[in-house]
Amino acid sequence: MSTVSATSAMHFWAAVEDCLATFHAMQRTEAAEKVTSLWQHPAFALNGVNRDYEDMIYHAEPWQIACNLACNDLNVTGHQAAYQALLLRHELSAP
């Protein structure tokens, strides 16, 4: 199994935090707390999946992780351009 580099993980979590603040109107401090709590305990995000598969969370979109943390299944369609720009800023998407 390949692992996610520390740099990639940092960009991923920063994107999740930005999604919470930008698309879910969450205060930055609350978004940071939720993200920090989740990356410290990734098994909770995987709904009880074996901890050997913690890297699986990085196969999800930051958008979906943010929606789960916000308990708001927001449709990305109306926000696609802004979301793509966010991913680009966090080096998670090619231009």
PDB file of N, CA and C in Angstrom:
ATOM      1  N   MET A   1       0.858  -1.174   0.000  1.00  0.00           N
ATOM      2  CA  MET A   1       0.000   0.000   0.000  1.00  0.00           C
ATOM      3  C   MET A   1       0.901   1.233   0.000  1.00  0.00           C
ATOM      4  N   SER A   2       0.601   2.191  -0.835  1.00  0.00           N
ATOM      5  CA  SER A   2       1.369   3.427  -0.841  1.00  0.00           C
ATOM      6  C   SER A   2       0.834   4.354   0.242  1.00  0.00           C
ATOM      7  N   THR A   3       1.708   5.230   0.711  1.00  0.00           N
ATOM      8  CA  THR A   3       1.289   6.166   1.735  1.00  0.00           C
ATOM      9  C   THR A   3       1.251   7.563   1.155  1.00  0.00           C
ATOM     10  N   VAL A   4       0.546   8.424   1.810  1.00  0.00           N
ATOM     11  CA  VAL A   4       0.407   9.811   1.400  1.00  0.00           C
ATOM     12  C   VAL A   4       1.545  10.599   2.011  1.00  0.00           C
ATOM     13  N   SER A   5       2.216  11.428   1.211  1.00  0.00           N
ATOM     14  CA  SER A   5       3.311  12.225   1.745  1.00  0.00           C
ATOM     15  C   SER A   5       2.784  13.269   2.718  1.00  0.00           C
ATOM     16  N   ALA A   6       3.648  13.717   3.612  1.00  0.00           N
ATOM     17  CA  ALA A   6       3.255  14.731   4.595  1.00  0.00           C
ATOM     18  C   ALA A   6       2.819  16.011   3.901  1.00  0.00           C
ATOM     19  N   THR A   7       3.490  16.371   2.823  1.00  0.00           N
ATOM     20  CA  THR A   7       3.135  17.590   2.087  1.00  0.00           C
ATOM     21  C   THR A   7       1.763  17.452   1.454  1.00  0.00           C
ATOM     22  N   SER A   8       1.493  16.324   0.834  1.00  0.00           N
ATOM     23  CA  SER A   8       0.180  16.100   0.223  1.00  0.00           C
ATOM     24  C   SER A   8      -0.912  16.114   1.275  1.00  0.00           C
ATOM     25  N   ALA A   9      -0.648  15.501   2.412  1.00  0.00           N
ATOM     26  CA  ALA A   9      -1.633  15.481   3.494  1.00  0.00           C
ATOM     27  C   ALA A   9      -1.910  16.897   3.987  1.00  0.00           C
ATOM     28  N   MET A  10      -0.868  17.700   4.119  1.00  0.00           N
ATOM     29  CA  MET A  10      -1.024  19.086   4.570  1.00  0.00           C
ATOM     30  C   MET A  10      -1.916  19.869   3.603  1.00  0.00           C
ATOM     31  N   HIS A  11      -1.685  19.699   2.301  1.00  0.00           N
ATOM     32  CA  HIS A  11      -2.500  20.384   1.301  1.00  0.00           C
ATOM     33  C   HIS A  11      -3.946  19.895   1.344  1.00  0.00           C
ATOM     34  N   PHE A  12      -4.129  18.597   1.509  1.00  0.00           N
ATOM     35  CA  PHE A  12      -5.457  18.005   1.569  1.00  0.00           C
ATOM     36  C   PHE A  12      -6.260  18.595   2.729  1.00  0.00           C
ATOM     37  N   TRP A  13      -5.663  18.594   3.923  1.00  0.00           N
ATOM     38  CA  TRP A  13      -6.389  19.085   5.097  1.00  0.00           C
ATOM     39  C   TRP A  13      -6.628  20.579   5.030  1.00  0.00           C
ATOM     40  N   ALA A  14      -5.715  21.322   4.450  1.00  0.00           N
ATOM     41  CA  ALA A  14      -5.925  22.765   4.272  1.00  0.00           C
ATOM     42  C   ALA A  14      -7.102  23.001   3.329  1.00  0.00           C
ATOM     43  N   ALA A  15      -7.237  22.167   2.305  1.00  0.00           N
ATOM     44  CA  ALA A  15      -8.363  22.288   1.377  1.00  0.00           C
ATOM     45  C   ALA A  15      -9.681  21.957   2.072  1.00  0.00           C
ATOM     46  N   VAL A  16      -9.682  20.936   2.922  1.00  0.00           N
ATOM     47  CA  VAL A  16     -10.892  20.594   3.673  1.00  0.00           C
ATOM     48  C   VAL A  16     -11.291  21.777   4.557  1.00  0.00           C
ATOM     49  N   GLU A  17     -10.320  22.354   5.247  1.00  0.00           N
ATOM     50  CA  GLU A  17     -10.601  23.511   6.108  1.00  0.00           C
ATOM     51  C   GLU A  17     -11.152  24.674   5.293  1.00  0.00           C
ATOM     52  N   ASP A  18     -10.559  24.944   4.139  1.00  0.00           N
ATOM     53  CA  ASP A  18     -11.060  26.021   3.285  1.00  0.00           C
ATOM     54  C   ASP A  18     -12.470  25.740   2.780  1.00  0.00           C
ATOM     55  N   CYS A  19     -12.765  24.491   2.477  1.00  0.00           N
ATOM     56  CA  CYS A  19     -14.127  24.136   2.051  1.00  0.00           C
ATOM     57  C   CYS A  19     -15.124  24.439   3.170  1.00  0.00           C
ATOM     58  N   LEU A  20     -14.764  24.094   4.389  1.00  0.00           N
ATOM     59  CA  LEU A  20     -15.657  24.363   5.515  1.00  0.00           C
ATOM     60  C   LEU A  20     -15.905  25.859   5.674  1.00  0.00           C
ATOM     61  N   ALA A  21     -14.842  26.638   5.584  1.00  0.00           N
ATOM     62  CA  ALA A  21     -14.965  28.088   5.768  1.00  0.00           C
ATOM     63  C   ALA A  21     -15.663  28.746   4.580  1.00  0.00           C
ATOM     64  N   THR A  22     -15.334  28.310   3.390  1.00  0.00           N
ATOM     65  CA  THR A  22     -15.844  28.954   2.175  1.00  0.00           C
ATOM     66  C   THR A  22     -17.264  28.532   1.813  1.00  0.00           C
ATOM     67  N   PHE A  23     -17.509  27.245   1.795  1.00  0.00           N
ATOM     68  CA  PHE A  23     -18.783  26.743   1.283  1.00  0.00           C
ATOM     69  C   PHE A  23     -19.814  26.431   2.376  1.00  0.00           C
ATOM     70  N   HIS A  24     -19.347  26.266   3.599  1.00  0.00           N
ATOM     71  CA  HIS A  24     -20.260  25.947   4.695  1.00  0.00           C
ATOM     72  C   HIS A  24     -20.338  27.088   5.707  1.00  0.00           C
ATOM     73  N   ALA A  25     -19.718  28.210   5.387  1.00  0.00           N
ATOM     74  CA  ALA A  25     -19.751  29.430   6.215  1.00  0.00           C
ATOM     75  C   ALA A  25     -19.370  29.167   7.669  1.00  0.00           C
ATOM     76  N   MET A  26     -18.415  28.269   7.854  1.00  0.00           N
ATOM     77  CA  MET A  26     -17.957  27.946   9.192  1.00  0.00           C
ATOM     78  C   MET A  26     -16.834  28.916   9.574  1.00  0.00           C
ATOM     79  N   GLN A  27     -16.820  29.348  10.822  1.00  0.00           N
ATOM     80  CA  GLN A  27     -15.728  30.187  11.295  1.00  0.00           C
ATOM     81  C   GLN A  27     -14.413  29.421  11.130  1.00  0.00           C
ATOM     82  N   ARG A  28     -13.346  30.134  10.767  1.00  0.00           N
ATOM     83  CA  ARG A  28     -12.059  29.498  10.507  1.00  0.00           C
ATOM     84  C   ARG A  28     -11.563  28.699  11.719  1.00  0.00           C
ATOM     85  N   THR A  29     -11.744  29.205  12.920  1.00  0.00           N
ATOM     86  CA  THR A  29     -11.272  28.484  14.108  1.00  0.00           C
ATOM     87  C   THR A  29     -12.038  27.173  14.303  1.00  0.00           C
ATOM     88  N   GLU A  30     -13.346  27.208  14.072  1.00  0.00           N
ATOM     89  CA  GLU A  30     -14.145  25.981  14.192  1.00  0.00           C
ATOM     90  C   GLU A  30     -13.754  24.980  13.113  1.00  0.00           C
ATOM     91  N   ALA A  31     -13.543  25.474  11.891  1.00  0.00           N
ATOM     92  CA  ALA A  31     -13.128  24.603  10.792  1.00  0.00           C
ATOM     93  C   ALA A  31     -11.788  23.947  11.115  1.00  0.00           C
ATOM     94  N   ALA A  32     -10.862  24.722  11.627  1.00  0.00           N
ATOM     95  CA  ALA A  32      -9.542  24.191  11.981  1.00  0.00           C
ATOM     96  C   ALA A  32      -9.653  23.134  13.079  1.00  0.00           C
ATOM     97  N   GLU A  33     -10.499  23.366  14.054  1.00  0.00           N
ATOM     98  CA  GLU A  33     -10.691  22.394  15.137  1.00  0.00           C
ATOM     99  C   GLU A  33     -11.264  21.092  14.607  1.00  0.00           C
ATOM    100  N   LYS A  34     -12.263  21.192  13.728  1.00  0.00           N
ATOM    101  CA  LYS A  34     -12.882  19.983  13.169  1.00  0.00           C
ATOM    102  C   LYS A  34     -11.872  19.195  12.340  1.00  0.00           C
ATOM    103  N   VAL A  35     -11.106  19.901  11.518  1.00  0.00           N
ATOM    104  CA  VAL A  35     -10.113  19.243  10.674  1.00  0.00           C
ATOM    105  C   VAL A  35      -9.030  18.596  11.525  1.00  0.00           C
ATOM    106  N   THR A  36      -8.542  19.304  12.510  1.00  0.00           N
ATOM    107  CA  THR A  36      -7.501  18.756  13.390  1.00  0.00           C
ATOM    108  C   THR A  36      -7.998  17.516  14.110  1.00  0.00           C
ATOM    109  N   SER A  37      -9.197  17.568  14.612  1.00  0.00           N
ATOM    110  CA  SER A  37      -9.777  16.417  15.296  1.00  0.00           C
ATOM    111  C   SER A  37      -9.889  15.221  14.353  1.00  0.00           C
ATOM    112  N   LEU A  38     -10.305  15.477  13.128  1.00  0.00           N
ATOM    113  CA  LEU A  38     -10.475  14.386  12.166  1.00  0.00           C
ATOM    114  C   LEU A  38      -9.147  13.777  11.760  1.00  0.00           C
ATOM    115  N   TRP A  39      -8.138  14.599  11.439  1.00  0.00           N
ATOM    116  CA  TRP A  39      -6.885  13.986  11.001  1.00  0.00           C
ATOM    117  C   TRP A  39      -6.160  13.299  12.134  1.00  0.00           C
ATOM    118  N   GLN A  40      -6.494  13.649  13.380  1.00  0.00           N
ATOM    119  CA  GLN A  40      -5.906  12.931  14.511  1.00  0.00           C
ATOM    120  C   GLN A  40      -6.615  11.602  14.758  1.00  0.00           C
ATOM    121  N   HIS A  41      -7.853  11.487  14.296  1.00  0.00           N
ATOM    122  CA  HIS A  41      -8.642  10.271  14.495  1.00  0.00           C
ATOM    123  C   HIS A  41      -9.334   9.875  13.189  1.00  0.00           C
ATOM    124  N   PRO A  42      -8.556   9.524  12.151  1.00  0.00           N
ATOM    125  CA  PRO A  42      -9.159   9.260  10.835  1.00  0.00           C
ATOM    126  C   PRO A  42     -10.104   8.082  10.793  1.00  0.00           C
ATOM    127  N   ALA A  43      -9.995   7.136  11.700  1.00  0.00           N
ATOM    128  CA  ALA A  43     -10.886   5.976  11.652  1.00  0.00           C
ATOM    129  C   ALA A  43     -12.344   6.390  11.772  1.00  0.00           C
ATOM    130  N   PHE A  44     -12.611   7.482  12.509  1.00  0.00           N
ATOM    131  CA  PHE A  44     -13.990   7.946  12.648  1.00  0.00           C
ATOM    132  C   PHE A  44     -14.559   8.390  11.310  1.00  0.00           C
ATOM    133  N   ALA A  45     -13.735   8.971  10.465  1.00  0.00           N
ATOM    134  CA  ALA A  45     -14.189   9.436   9.157  1.00  0.00           C
ATOM    135  C   ALA A  45     -14.468   8.268   8.226  1.00  0.00           C
ATOM    136  N   LEU A  46     -13.904   7.129   8.534  1.00  0.00           N
ATOM    137  CA  LEU A  46     -14.064   5.967   7.670  1.00  0.00           C
ATOM    138  C   LEU A  46     -15.152   5.037   8.177  1.00  0.00           C
ATOM    139  N   ASN A  47     -15.970   5.528   9.095  1.00  0.00           N
ATOM    140  CA  ASN A  47     -17.106   4.758   9.617  1.00  0.00           C
ATOM    141  C   ASN A  47     -16.695   3.384  10.124  1.00  0.00           C
ATOM    142  N   GLY A  48     -15.646   3.341  10.943  1.00  0.00           N
ATOM    143  CA  GLY A  48     -15.249   2.101  11.576  1.00  0.00           C
ATOM    144  C   GLY A  48     -14.422   1.173  10.715  1.00  0.00           C
ATOM    145  N   VAL A  49     -13.964   1.614   9.557  1.00  0.00           N
ATOM    146  CA  VAL A  49     -13.119   0.779   8.710  1.00  0.00           C
ATOM    147  C   VAL A  49     -11.817   0.499   9.451  1.00  0.00           C
ATOM    148  N   ASN A  50     -11.238  -0.650   9.234  1.00  0.00           N
ATOM    149  CA  ASN A  50      -9.986  -1.046   9.865  1.00  0.00           C
ATOM    150  C   ASN A  50      -8.952   0.069   9.756  1.00  0.00           C
ATOM    151  N   ARG A  51      -8.280   0.385  10.857  1.00  0.00           N
ATOM    152  CA  ARG A  51      -7.293   1.473  10.892  1.00  0.00           C
ATOM    153  C   ARG A  51      -6.135   1.231   9.933  1.00  0.00           C
ATOM    154  N   ASP A  52      -5.940   0.004   9.450  1.00  0.00           N
ATOM    155  CA  ASP A  52      -4.886  -0.266   8.470  1.00  0.00           C
ATOM    156  C   ASP A  52      -5.143   0.481   7.169  1.00  0.00           C
ATOM    157  N   TYR A  53      -6.335   0.990   6.978  1.00  0.00           N
ATOM    158  CA  TYR A  53      -6.709   1.651   5.733  1.00  0.00           C
ATOM    159  C   TYR A  53      -6.882   3.155   5.894  1.00  0.00           C
ATOM    160  N   GLU A  54      -6.146   3.761   6.855  1.00  0.00           N
ATOM    161  CA  GLU A  54      -6.285   5.187   7.114  1.00  0.00           C
ATOM    162  C   GLU A  54      -6.006   6.045   5.888  1.00  0.00           C
ATOM    163  N   ASP A  55      -5.107   5.613   4.998  1.00  0.00           N
ATOM    164  CA  ASP A  55      -4.802   6.402   3.806  1.00  0.00           C
ATOM    165  C   ASP A  55      -5.993   6.494   2.854  1.00  0.00           C
ATOM    166  N   MET A  56      -7.000   5.644   3.045  1.00  0.00           N
ATOM    167  CA  MET A  56      -8.168   5.683   2.169  1.00  0.00           C
ATOM    168  C   MET A  56      -8.874   7.028   2.221  1.00  0.00           C
ATOM    169  N   ILE A  57      -8.775   7.736   3.333  1.00  0.00           N
ATOM    170  CA  ILE A  57      -9.455   9.024   3.437  1.00  0.00           C
ATOM    171  C   ILE A  57      -8.953   9.987   2.372  1.00  0.00           C
ATOM    172  N   TYR A  58      -7.690   9.844   1.977  1.00  0.00           N
ATOM    173  CA  TYR A  58      -7.123  10.746   0.977  1.00  0.00           C
ATOM    174  C   TYR A  58      -7.616  10.455  -0.429  1.00  0.00           C
ATOM    175  N   HIS A  59      -8.368   9.397  -0.596  1.00  0.00           N
ATOM    176  CA  HIS A  59      -8.971   9.108  -1.892  1.00  0.00           C
ATOM    177  C   HIS A  59     -10.327   9.782  -2.028  1.00  0.00           C
ATOM    178  N   ALA A  60     -10.840  10.295  -0.937  1.00  0.00           N
ATOM    179  CA  ALA A  60     -12.087  11.064  -0.969  1.00  0.00           C
ATOM    180  C   ALA A  60     -11.759  12.495  -1.379  1.00  0.00           C
ATOM    181  N   GLU A  61     -12.748  13.195  -1.851  1.00  0.00           N
ATOM    182  CA  GLU A  61     -12.574  14.602  -2.203  1.00  0.00           C
ATOM    183  C   GLU A  61     -12.625  15.451  -0.939  1.00  0.00           C
ATOM    184  N   PRO A  62     -11.783  16.478  -0.842  1.00  0.00           N
ATOM    185  CA  PRO A  62     -11.892  17.400   0.280  1.00  0.00           C
ATOM    186  C   PRO A  62     -13.318  17.930   0.446  1.00  0.00           C
ATOM    187  N   TRP A  63     -14.009  18.133  -0.685  1.00  0.00           N
ATOM    188  CA  TRP A  63     -15.403  18.608  -0.666  1.00  0.00           C
ATOM    189  C   TRP A  63     -16.266  17.683   0.177  1.00  0.00           C
ATOM    190  N   GLN A  64     -16.156  16.368  -0.076  1.00  0.00           N
ATOM    191  CA  GLN A  64     -17.009  15.407   0.621  1.00  0.00           C
ATOM    192  C   GLN A  64     -16.646  15.306   2.090  1.00  0.00           C
ATOM    193  N   ILE A  65     -15.356  15.354   2.398  1.00  0.00           N
ATOM    194  CA  ILE A  65     -14.935  15.317   3.801  1.00  0.00           C
ATOM    195  C   ILE A  65     -15.513  16.536   4.528  1.00  0.00           C
ATOM    196  N   ALA A  66     -15.423  17.707   3.892  1.00  0.00           N
ATOM    197  CA  ALA A  66     -15.970  18.935   4.492  1.00  0.00           C
ATOM    198  C   ALA A  66     -17.480  18.817   4.689  1.00  0.00           C
ATOM    199  N   CYS A  67     -18.176  18.279   3.701  1.00  0.00           N
ATOM    200  CA  CYS A  67     -19.625  18.099   3.838  1.00  0.00           C
ATOM    201  C   CYS A  67     -19.944  17.181   5.010  1.00  0.00           C
ATOM    202  N   ASN A  68     -19.168  16.125   5.176  1.00  0.00           N
ATOM    203  CA  ASN A  68     -19.383  15.211   6.300  1.00  0.00           C
ATOM    204  C   ASN A  68     -19.146  15.921   7.625  1.00  0.00           C
ATOM    205  N   LEU A  69     -18.074  16.698   7.704  1.00  0.00           N
ATOM    206  CA  LEU A  69     -17.769  17.411   8.949  1.00  0.00           C
ATOM    207  C   LEU A  69     -18.823  18.464   9.273  1.00  0.00           C
ATOM    208  N   ALA A  70     -19.384  19.088   8.236  1.00  0.00           N
ATOM    209  CA  ALA A  70     -20.396  20.129   8.431  1.00  0.00           C
ATOM    210  C   ALA A  70     -21.799  19.549   8.576  1.00  0.00           C
ATOM    211  N   CYS A  71     -21.933  18.239   8.373  1.00  0.00           N
ATOM    212  CA  CYS A  71     -23.255  17.581   8.378  1.00  0.00           C
ATOM    213  C   CYS A  71     -24.195  18.281   7.397  1.00  0.00           C
ATOM    214  N   ASN A  72     -23.648  18.562   6.220  1.00  0.00           N
ATOM    215  CA  ASN A  72     -24.397  19.277   5.187  1.00  0.00           C
ATOM    216  C   ASN A  72     -23.955  18.747   3.835  1.00  0.00           C
ATOM    217  N   ASP A  73     -24.771  17.930   3.212  1.00  0.00           N
ATOM    218  CA  ASP A  73     -24.428  17.325   1.924  1.00  0.00           C
ATOM    219  C   ASP A  73     -24.677  18.322   0.793  1.00  0.00           C
ATOM    220  N   LEU A  74     -23.830  19.313   0.709  1.00  0.00           N
ATOM    221  CA  LEU A  74     -23.930  20.383  -0.273  1.00  0.00           C
ATOM    222  C   LEU A  74     -23.551  19.860  -1.662  1.00  0.00           C
ATOM    223  N   ASN A  75     -24.349  20.188  -2.663  1.00  0.00           N
ATOM    224  CA  ASN A  75     -24.073  19.759  -4.034  1.00  0.00           C
ATOM    225  C   ASN A  75     -22.972  20.624  -4.629  1.00  0.00           C
ATOM    226  N   VAL A  76     -21.927  20.002  -5.127  1.00  0.00           N
ATOM    227  CA  VAL A  76     -20.776  20.720  -5.670  1.00  0.00           C
ATOM    228  C   VAL A  76     -21.087  21.412  -7.000  1.00  0.00           C
ATOM    229  N   THR A  77     -22.111  20.985  -7.689  1.00  0.00           N
ATOM    230  CA  THR A  77     -22.404  21.485  -9.029  1.00  0.00           C
ATOM    231  C   THR A  77     -22.445  23.008  -9.107  1.00  0.00           C
ATOM    232  N   GLY A  78     -23.128  23.643  -8.211  1.00  0.00           N
ATOM    233  CA  GLY A  78     -23.235  25.098  -8.247  1.00  0.00           C
ATOM    234  C   GLY A  78     -21.985  25.825  -7.792  1.00  0.00           C
ATOM    235  N   HIS A  79     -21.015  25.077  -7.288  1.00  0.00           N
ATOM    236  CA  HIS A  79     -19.790  25.661  -6.746  1.00  0.00           C
ATOM    237  C   HIS A  79     -18.546  25.118  -7.445  1.00  0.00           C
ATOM    238  N   GLN A  80     -18.733  24.449  -8.577  1.00  0.00           N
ATOM    239  CA  GLN A  80     -17.644  23.731  -9.230  1.00  0.00           C
ATOM    240  C   GLN A  80     -16.438  24.617  -9.539  1.00  0.00           C
ATOM    241  N   ALA A  81     -16.653  25.787 -10.103  1.00  0.00           N
ATOM    242  CA  ALA A  81     -15.529  26.659 -10.475  1.00  0.00           C
ATOM    243  C   ALA A  81     -14.756  27.115  -9.237  1.00  0.00           C
ATOM    244  N   ALA A  82     -15.474  27.517  -8.196  1.00  0.00           N
ATOM    245  CA  ALA A  82     -14.816  27.964  -6.968  1.00  0.00           C
ATOM    246  C   ALA A  82     -14.088  26.798  -6.293  1.00  0.00           C
ATOM    247  N   TYR A  83     -14.688  25.621  -6.327  1.00  0.00           N
ATOM    248  CA  TYR A  83     -14.049  24.449  -5.723  1.00  0.00           C
ATOM    249  C   TYR A  83     -12.781  24.076  -6.490  1.00  0.00           C
ATOM    250  N   GLN A  84     -12.840  24.108  -7.809  1.00  0.00           N
ATOM    251  CA  GLN A  84     -11.646  23.795  -8.606  1.00  0.00           C
ATOM    252  C   GLN A  84     -10.529  24.800  -8.330  1.00  0.00           C
ATOM    253  N   ALA A  85     -10.878  26.068  -8.174  1.00  0.00           N
ATOM    254  CA  ALA A  85      -9.882  27.097  -7.848  1.00  0.00           C
ATOM    255  C   ALA A  85      -9.266  26.813  -6.477  1.00  0.00           C
ATOM    256  N   LEU A  86     -10.086  26.393  -5.524  1.00  0.00           N
ATOM    257  CA  LEU A  86      -9.593  26.047  -4.198  1.00  0.00           C
ATOM    258  C   LEU A  86      -8.610  24.881  -4.284  1.00  0.00           C
ATOM    259  N   LEU A  87      -8.955  23.850  -5.037  1.00  0.00           N
ATOM    260  CA  LEU A  87      -8.060  22.712  -5.197  1.00  0.00           C
ATOM    261  C   LEU A  87      -6.731  23.117  -5.836  1.00  0.00           C
ATOM    262  N   LEU A  88      -6.817  23.983  -6.813  1.00  0.00           N
ATOM    263  CA  LEU A  88      -5.620  24.493  -7.492  1.00  0.00           C
ATOM    264  C   LEU A  88      -4.733  25.255  -6.512  1.00  0.00           C
ATOM    265  N   ARG A  89      -5.334  26.107  -5.683  1.00  0.00           N
ATOM    266  CA  ARG A  89      -4.571  26.863  -4.677  1.00  0.00           C
ATOM    267  C   ARG A  89      -3.830  25.938  -3.723  1.00  0.00           C
ATOM    268  N   HIS A  90      -4.407  24.789  -3.446  1.00  0.00           N
ATOM    269  CA  HIS A  90      -3.818  23.850  -2.509  1.00  0.00           C
ATOM    270  C   HIS A  90      -3.008  22.757  -3.219  1.00  0.00           C
ATOM    271  N   GLU A  91      -2.727  22.978  -4.478  1.00  0.00           N
ATOM    272  CA  GLU A  91      -1.902  22.063  -5.277  1.00  0.00           C
ATOM    273  C   GLU A  91      -2.471  20.641  -5.324  1.00  0.00           C
ATOM    274  N   LEU A  92      -3.799  20.554  -5.369  1.00  0.00           N
ATOM    275  CA  LEU A  92      -4.461  19.258  -5.453  1.00  0.00           C
ATOM    276  C   LEU A  92      -5.086  19.013  -6.820  1.00  0.00           C
ATOM    277  N   SER A  93      -4.845  19.956  -7.729  1.00  0.00           N
ATOM    278  CA  SER A  93      -5.416  19.861  -9.066  1.00  0.00           C
ATOM    279  C   SER A  93      -4.459  20.512 -10.048  1.00  0.00           C
ATOM    280  N   ALA A  94      -4.427  19.982 -11.239  1.00  0.00           N
ATOM    281  CA  ALA A  94      -3.601  20.578 -12.293  1.00  0.00           C
ATOM    282  C   ALA A  94      -4.373  21.725 -12.943  1.00  0.00           C
ATOM    283  N   PRO A  95      -3.664  22.759 -13.390  1.00  0.00           N
ATOM    284  CA  PRO A  95      -4.347  23.898 -14.045  1.00  0.00           C
ATOM    285  C   PRO A  95      -5.004  23.493 -15.347  1.00  0.00           C
TER     286      PRO A  95
END
